[in-house]
Amino acid sequence: MGQSLVQNYIHIVFSTKYRQHLIHPPYEEELHKYLAGICKELDCPVLRVGGYTDHVHVLCKLSKNIALFLLVKELKMNSSKWIKTRHETLSNFYWQNGYGAFSVNPSEVDRVIKYIENQHEHHRRKTFQEEYRAFLVKYRVDFDERYVWD
């Protein structure tokens, strides 16, 4: 019987609902660790989690045993429930409905890790919307601007 050998690096990006700036210390680092833990539980080893006040980036290896949309659903659902328990100001925390997920060439993994690590510096010059549009263009994703933002 043959083996199923899989090596899919996935860069997942999603924002808070309406891109509200809700992710701040000390909850930011805790949230990133929580997201990494969810990935680990689903056999999707994390290489890096990061982001800014209104969004997150997750770089992981996608398990051969889970569909991408289920991974994202679990990430968003569980982390949203969890963060609401951290502080009363986060009781109305929600993620956007959609997400972006982009395959990463193994030779580019280190570059993507550095990109995620530098989110705070990066977003001094560029908004999340500008960043996300650039990803959609780079990866040649057809999109209608009316339906991207919520």
Foldseek 3Di string as FASTA:
>chain_A
DDDDDFWWKKKKKWWWAQQDQAQDPPNQVVLQVVLQVLCVVVVWHWPGWAAGRTMIITITTDDPVDDPVVSVVSSQVVSLVVVCVVDVVSVVIHIHPDMDMDTDDPVCVVVVRVVRVCRVVVVVPDDPVRVVVVVCVVRVPDDDPVPPHD
